All heavy atoms as atom14 arrays in JSON, in Angstrom:
{
  "sequence": "AAVSSGGQSPVMTQYLKAQIEPFMTEEIGE",
  "atom14_mask": [
    [1, 1, 1, 1, 1, 0, 0, 0, 0, 0, 0, 0, 0, 0],
    [1, 1, 1, 1, 1, 0, 0, 0, 0, 0, 0, 0, 0, 0],
    [1, 1, 1, 1, 1, 1, 1, 0, 0, 0, 0, 0, 0, 0],
    [1, 1, 1, 1, 1, 1, 0, 0, 0, 0, 0, 0, 0, 0],
    [1, 1, 1, 1, 1, 1, 0, 0, 0, 0, 0, 0, 0, 0],
    [1, 1, 1, 1, 0, 0, 0, 0, 0, 0, 0, 0, 0, 0],
    [1, 1, 1, 1, 0, 0, 0, 0, 0, 0, 0, 0, 0, 0],
    [1, 1, 1, 1, 1, 1, 1, 1, 1, 0, 0, 0, 0, 0],
    [1, 1, 1, 1, 1, 1, 0, 0, 0, 0, 0, 0, 0, 0],
    [1, 1, 1, 1, 1, 1, 1, 0, 0, 0, 0, 0, 0, 0],
    [1, 1, 1, 1, 1, 1, 1, 0, 0, 0, 0, 0, 0, 0],
    [1, 1, 1, 1, 1, 1, 1, 1, 0, 0, 0, 0, 0, 0],
    [1, 1, 1, 1, 1, 1, 1, 0, 0, 0, 0, 0, 0, 0],
    [1, 1, 1, 1, 1, 1, 1, 1, 1, 0, 0, 0, 0, 0],
    [1, 1, 1, 1, 1, 1, 1, 1, 1, 1, 1, 1, 0, 0],
    [1, 1, 1, 1, 1, 1, 1, 1, 0, 0, 0, 0, 0, 0],
    [1, 1, 1, 1, 1, 1, 1, 1, 1, 0, 0, 0, 0, 0],
    [1, 1, 1, 1, 1, 0, 0, 0, 0, 0, 0, 0, 0, 0],
    [1, 1, 1, 1, 1, 1, 1, 1, 1, 0, 0, 0, 0, 0],
    [1, 1, 1, 1, 1, 1, 1, 1, 0, 0, 0, 0, 0, 0],
    [1, 1, 1, 1, 1, 1, 1, 1, 1, 0, 0, 0, 0, 0],
    [1, 1, 1, 1, 1, 1, 1, 0, 0, 0, 0, 0, 0, 0],
    [1, 1, 1, 1, 1, 1, 1, 1, 1, 1, 1, 0, 0, 0],
    [1, 1, 1, 1, 1, 1, 1, 1, 0, 0, 0, 0, 0, 0],
    [1, 1, 1, 1, 1, 1, 1, 0, 0, 0, 0, 0, 0, 0],
    [1, 1, 1, 1, 1, 1, 1, 1, 1, 0, 0, 0, 0, 0],
    [1, 1, 1, 1, 1, 1, 1, 1, 1, 0, 0, 0, 0, 0],
    [1, 1, 1, 1, 1, 1, 1, 1, 0, 0, 0, 0, 0, 0],
    [1, 1, 1, 1, 0, 0, 0, 0, 0, 0, 0, 0, 0, 0],
    [1, 1, 1, 1, 1, 1, 1, 1, 1, 0, 0, 0, 0, 0]
  ],
  "atom14_positions": [
    [[0.87, -1.18, 0.0], [0.0, 0.0, 0.0], [0.9, 1.22, 0.0], [1.82, 1.32, 0.82], [-0.91, 0.01, 1.23], [0.0, 0.0, 0.0], [0.0, 0.0, 0.0], [0.0, 0.0, 0.0], [0.0, 0.0, 0.0], [0.0, 0.0, 0.0], [0.0, 0.0, 0.0], [0.0, 0.0, 0.0], [0.0, 0.0, 0.0], [0.0, 0.0, 0.0]],
    [[0.67, 2.14, -0.93], [1.54, 3.3, -1.07], [0.72, 4.57, -1.18], [-0.37, 4.57, -1.77], [2.44, 3.14, -2.3], [0.0, 0.0, 0.0], [0.0, 0.0, 0.0], [0.0, 0.0, 0.0], [0.0, 0.0, 0.0], [0.0, 0.0, 0.0], [0.0, 0.0, 0.0], [0.0, 0.0, 0.0], [0.0, 0.0, 0.0], [0.0, 0.0, 0.0]],
    [[1.25, 5.66, -0.63], [0.57, 6.96, -0.69], [1.58, 8.02, -1.06], [2.78, 7.93, -0.76], [-0.12, 7.33, 0.64], [-1.26, 6.38, 0.93], [0.89, 7.32, 1.79], [0.0, 0.0, 0.0], [0.0, 0.0, 0.0], [0.0, 0.0, 0.0], [0.0, 0.0, 0.0], [0.0, 0.0, 0.0], [0.0, 0.0, 0.0], [0.0, 0.0, 0.0]],
    [[1.09, 9.07, -1.73], [1.95, 10.16, -2.16], [1.18, 11.46, -2.11], [-0.03, 11.49, -2.33], [2.45, 9.91, -3.59], [3.06, 11.08, -4.12], [0.0, 0.0, 0.0], [0.0, 0.0, 0.0], [0.0, 0.0, 0.0], [0.0, 0.0, 0.0], [0.0, 0.0, 0.0], [0.0, 0.0, 0.0], [0.0, 0.0, 0.0], [0.0, 0.0, 0.0]],
    [[1.9, 12.54, -1.85], [1.31, 13.88, -1.92], [1.87, 14.64, -3.11], [1.8, 15.86, -3.17], [1.58, 14.65, -0.63], [2.98, 14.89, -0.5], [0.0, 0.0, 0.0], [0.0, 0.0, 0.0], [0.0, 0.0, 0.0], [0.0, 0.0, 0.0], [0.0, 0.0, 0.0], [0.0, 0.0, 0.0], [0.0, 0.0, 0.0], [0.0, 0.0, 0.0]],
    [[2.47, 13.89, -4.07], [3.07, 14.55, -5.21], [4.29, 15.38, -4.84], [4.65, 16.32, -5.55], [0.0, 0.0, 0.0], [0.0, 0.0, 0.0], [0.0, 0.0, 0.0], [0.0, 0.0, 0.0], [0.0, 0.0, 0.0], [0.0, 0.0, 0.0], [0.0, 0.0, 0.0], [0.0, 0.0, 0.0], [0.0, 0.0, 0.0], [0.0, 0.0, 0.0]],
    [[4.93, 15.01, -3.75], [6.11, 15.73, -3.3], [5.81, 16.99, -2.52], [6.71, 17.71, -2.1], [0.0, 0.0, 0.0], [0.0, 0.0, 0.0], [0.0, 0.0, 0.0], [0.0, 0.0, 0.0], [0.0, 0.0, 0.0], [0.0, 0.0, 0.0], [0.0, 0.0, 0.0], [0.0, 0.0, 0.0], [0.0, 0.0, 0.0], [0.0, 0.0, 0.0]],
    [[4.54, 17.28, -2.27], [4.16, 18.52, -1.61], [4.3, 18.47, -0.09], [4.66, 19.47, 0.54], [2.71, 18.88, -1.96], [2.48, 19.17, -3.43], [1.04, 19.54, -3.71], [0.68, 20.7, -3.76], [0.21, 18.52, -3.86], [0.0, 0.0, 0.0], [0.0, 0.0, 0.0], [0.0, 0.0, 0.0], [0.0, 0.0, 0.0], [0.0, 0.0, 0.0]],
    [[3.99, 17.31, 0.5], [3.96, 17.26, 1.96], [4.35, 15.89, 2.49], [3.5, 15.01, 2.66], [2.55, 17.63, 2.47], [2.49, 17.52, 3.88], [0.0, 0.0, 0.0], [0.0, 0.0, 0.0], [0.0, 0.0, 0.0], [0.0, 0.0, 0.0], [0.0, 0.0, 0.0], [0.0, 0.0, 0.0], [0.0, 0.0, 0.0], [0.0, 0.0, 0.0]],
    [[5.63, 15.67, 2.77], [6.06, 14.42, 3.39], [5.33, 14.14, 4.71], [5.08, 12.98, 5.05], [7.56, 14.63, 3.62], [7.96, 15.62, 2.59], [6.78, 16.55, 2.46], [0.0, 0.0, 0.0], [0.0, 0.0, 0.0], [0.0, 0.0, 0.0], [0.0, 0.0, 0.0], [0.0, 0.0, 0.0], [0.0, 0.0, 0.0], [0.0, 0.0, 0.0]],
    [[5.0, 15.18, 5.45], [4.27, 14.99, 6.71], [2.92, 14.34, 6.44], [2.48, 13.44, 7.18], [4.09, 16.34, 7.45], [3.12, 16.19, 8.61], [5.42, 16.86, 7.94], [0.0, 0.0, 0.0], [0.0, 0.0, 0.0], [0.0, 0.0, 0.0], [0.0, 0.0, 0.0], [0.0, 0.0, 0.0], [0.0, 0.0, 0.0], [0.0, 0.0, 0.0]],
    [[2.24, 14.76, 5.36], [0.95, 14.18, 5.01], [1.09, 12.71, 4.64], [0.3, 11.87, 5.09], [0.33, 14.95, 3.85], [-0.97, 14.36, 3.32], [-2.3, 14.39, 4.55], [-2.71, 16.15, 4.48], [0.0, 0.0, 0.0], [0.0, 0.0, 0.0], [0.0, 0.0, 0.0], [0.0, 0.0, 0.0], [0.0, 0.0, 0.0], [0.0, 0.0, 0.0]],
    [[2.1, 12.39, 3.82], [2.24, 10.99, 3.4], [2.6, 10.09, 4.59], [2.12, 8.96, 4.68], [3.31, 10.84, 2.3], [4.55, 11.4, 2.75], [2.87, 11.57, 1.03], [0.0, 0.0, 0.0], [0.0, 0.0, 0.0], [0.0, 0.0, 0.0], [0.0, 0.0, 0.0], [0.0, 0.0, 0.0], [0.0, 0.0, 0.0], [0.0, 0.0, 0.0]],
    [[3.42, 10.59, 5.51], [3.75, 9.8, 6.7], [2.53, 9.6, 7.6], [2.36, 8.55, 8.21], [4.89, 10.45, 7.47], [6.24, 10.39, 6.75], [6.67, 8.97, 6.44], [6.59, 8.08, 7.29], [7.15, 8.75, 5.22], [0.0, 0.0, 0.0], [0.0, 0.0, 0.0], [0.0, 0.0, 0.0], [0.0, 0.0, 0.0], [0.0, 0.0, 0.0]],
    [[1.7, 10.62, 7.67], [0.45, 10.5, 8.44], [-0.44, 9.41, 7.84], [-0.97, 8.55, 8.56], [-0.29, 11.84, 8.46], [-1.71, 11.74, 8.96], [-1.99, 11.63, 10.32], [-2.79, 11.71, 8.06], [-3.3, 11.49, 10.77], [-4.09, 11.59, 8.51], [-4.35, 11.48, 9.86], [-5.64, 11.34, 10.3], [0.0, 0.0, 0.0], [0.0, 0.0, 0.0]],
    [[-0.61, 9.45, 6.53], [-1.46, 8.45, 5.87], [-0.87, 7.05, 5.99], [-1.6, 6.07, 6.2], [-1.65, 8.82, 4.4], [-2.47, 10.1, 4.16], [-2.43, 10.48, 2.69], [-3.91, 9.92, 4.62], [0.0, 0.0, 0.0], [0.0, 0.0, 0.0], [0.0, 0.0, 0.0], [0.0, 0.0, 0.0], [0.0, 0.0, 0.0], [0.0, 0.0, 0.0]],
    [[0.44, 6.96, 5.9], [1.1, 5.66, 6.09], [0.8, 5.1, 7.48], [0.5, 3.91, 7.63], [2.61, 5.81, 5.88], [3.4, 4.54, 6.16], [4.89, 4.78, 6.02], [5.68, 3.55, 6.43], [7.15, 3.75, 6.31], [0.0, 0.0, 0.0], [0.0, 0.0, 0.0], [0.0, 0.0, 0.0], [0.0, 0.0, 0.0], [0.0, 0.0, 0.0]],
    [[0.87, 5.97, 8.47], [0.6, 5.53, 9.85], [-0.83, 5.05, 10.02], [-1.11, 4.16, 10.85], [0.9, 6.67, 10.82], [0.0, 0.0, 0.0], [0.0, 0.0, 0.0], [0.0, 0.0, 0.0], [0.0, 0.0, 0.0], [0.0, 0.0, 0.0], [0.0, 0.0, 0.0], [0.0, 0.0, 0.0], [0.0, 0.0, 0.0], [0.0, 0.0, 0.0]],
    [[-1.77, 5.63, 9.26], [-3.16, 5.19, 9.33], [-3.35, 3.8, 8.72], [-4.19, 3.01, 9.15], [-4.08, 6.19, 8.61], [-4.02, 7.62, 9.14], [-4.25, 7.7, 10.63], [-5.28, 7.26, 11.14], [-3.26, 8.23, 11.35], [0.0, 0.0, 0.0], [0.0, 0.0, 0.0], [0.0, 0.0, 0.0], [0.0, 0.0, 0.0], [0.0, 0.0, 0.0]],
    [[-2.54, 3.5, 7.71], [-2.66, 2.23, 7.0], [-1.99, 1.09, 7.76], [-2.46, -0.06, 7.74], [-2.04, 2.35, 5.59], [-2.86, 3.34, 4.74], [-1.96, 1.0, 4.89], [-2.16, 3.74, 3.45], [0.0, 0.0, 0.0], [0.0, 0.0, 0.0], [0.0, 0.0, 0.0], [0.0, 0.0, 0.0], [0.0, 0.0, 0.0], [0.0, 0.0, 0.0]],
    [[-0.88, 1.38, 8.43], [-0.04, 0.34, 9.03], [-0.79, -0.64, 9.93], [-0.51, -1.86, 9.88], [1.12, 0.99, 9.8], [2.22, 1.48, 8.89], [3.36, 2.14, 9.64], [3.08, 2.85, 10.63], [4.53, 1.95, 9.24], [0.0, 0.0, 0.0], [0.0, 0.0, 0.0], [0.0, 0.0, 0.0], [0.0, 0.0, 0.0], [0.0, 0.0, 0.0]],
    [[-1.75, -0.19, 10.78], [-2.42, -1.18, 11.64], [-3.2, -2.24, 10.86], [-3.44, -3.34, 11.38], [-3.38, -0.31, 12.47], [-2.77, 1.05, 12.46], [-2.15, 1.19, 11.11], [0.0, 0.0, 0.0], [0.0, 0.0, 0.0], [0.0, 0.0, 0.0], [0.0, 0.0, 0.0], [0.0, 0.0, 0.0], [0.0, 0.0, 0.0], [0.0, 0.0, 0.0]],
    [[-3.61, -1.93, 9.64], [-4.38, -2.89, 8.84], [-3.48, -3.82, 8.03], [-3.93, -4.86, 7.56], [-5.32, -2.14, 7.89], [-6.31, -1.25, 8.6], [-6.07, 0.1, 8.75], [-7.47, -1.78, 9.14], [-6.96, 0.93, 9.41], [-8.37, -0.97, 9.81], [-8.12, 0.38, 9.94], [0.0, 0.0, 0.0], [0.0, 0.0, 0.0], [0.0, 0.0, 0.0]],
    [[-2.21, -3.42, 7.84], [-1.3, -4.21, 7.02], [-0.5, -5.15, 7.92], [0.69, -4.98, 8.16], [-0.37, -3.28, 6.25], [-1.05, -2.56, 5.1], [-1.34, -3.65, 3.69], [0.31, -3.74, 3.02], [0.0, 0.0, 0.0], [0.0, 0.0, 0.0], [0.0, 0.0, 0.0], [0.0, 0.0, 0.0], [0.0, 0.0, 0.0], [0.0, 0.0, 0.0]],
    [[-1.18, -6.16, 8.41], [-0.56, -7.13, 9.31], [0.15, -8.22, 8.51], [-0.05, -8.37, 7.3], [-1.62, -7.77, 10.2], [-2.55, -8.48, 9.36], [-2.38, -6.71, 11.01], [0.0, 0.0, 0.0], [0.0, 0.0, 0.0], [0.0, 0.0, 0.0], [0.0, 0.0, 0.0], [0.0, 0.0, 0.0], [0.0, 0.0, 0.0], [0.0, 0.0, 0.0]],
    [[0.95, -9.0, 9.2], [1.61, -10.13, 8.56], [0.59, -11.1, 7.99], [0.81, -11.73, 6.94], [2.51, -10.83, 9.58], [3.34, -11.96, 9.01], [4.28, -12.56, 10.03], [4.44, -11.98, 11.11], [4.85, -13.63, 9.74], [0.0, 0.0, 0.0], [0.0, 0.0, 0.0], [0.0, 0.0, 0.0], [0.0, 0.0, 0.0], [0.0, 0.0, 0.0]],
    [[-0.56, -11.22, 8.68], [-1.62, -12.13, 8.2], [-2.16, -11.69, 6.84], [-2.56, -12.54, 6.04], [-2.76, -12.19, 9.22], [-2.44, -12.95, 10.5], [-1.56, -12.16, 11.46], [-1.49, -10.91, 11.32], [-0.95, -12.78, 12.34], [0.0, 0.0, 0.0], [0.0, 0.0, 0.0], [0.0, 0.0, 0.0], [0.0, 0.0, 0.0], [0.0, 0.0, 0.0]],
    [[-2.18, -10.39, 6.58], [-2.65, -9.9, 5.28], [-1.76, -10.43, 4.16], [-2.24, -10.89, 3.12], [-2.68, -8.36, 5.26], [-3.85, -7.83, 6.1], [-2.77, -7.82, 3.84], [-5.21, -8.08, 5.5], [0.0, 0.0, 0.0], [0.0, 0.0, 0.0], [0.0, 0.0, 0.0], [0.0, 0.0, 0.0], [0.0, 0.0, 0.0], [0.0, 0.0, 0.0]],
    [[-0.45, -10.35, 4.36], [0.47, -10.87, 3.37], [0.31, -12.36, 3.16], [0.34, -12.85, 2.02], [0.0, 0.0, 0.0], [0.0, 0.0, 0.0], [0.0, 0.0, 0.0], [0.0, 0.0, 0.0], [0.0, 0.0, 0.0], [0.0, 0.0, 0.0], [0.0, 0.0, 0.0], [0.0, 0.0, 0.0], [0.0, 0.0, 0.0], [0.0, 0.0, 0.0]],
    [[0.12, -13.1, 4.25], [-0.04, -14.55, 4.15], [-1.35, -14.91, 3.48], [-1.41, -15.87, 2.68], [0.04, -15.16, 5.55], [1.42, -15.03, 6.19], [1.43, -15.47, 7.64], [0.34, -15.74, 8.19], [2.53, -15.54, 8.22], [0.0, 0.0, 0.0], [0.0, 0.0, 0.0], [0.0, 0.0, 0.0], [0.0, 0.0, 0.0], [0.0, 0.0, 0.0]]
  ]
}
């Protein structure tokens, strides 16, 4: 899962990444 702000706001992309991380468990990959 990847997110981008078009280079405008790294803070925004890191925030969105943090929102996604709890759902991207090892079980999802398996």
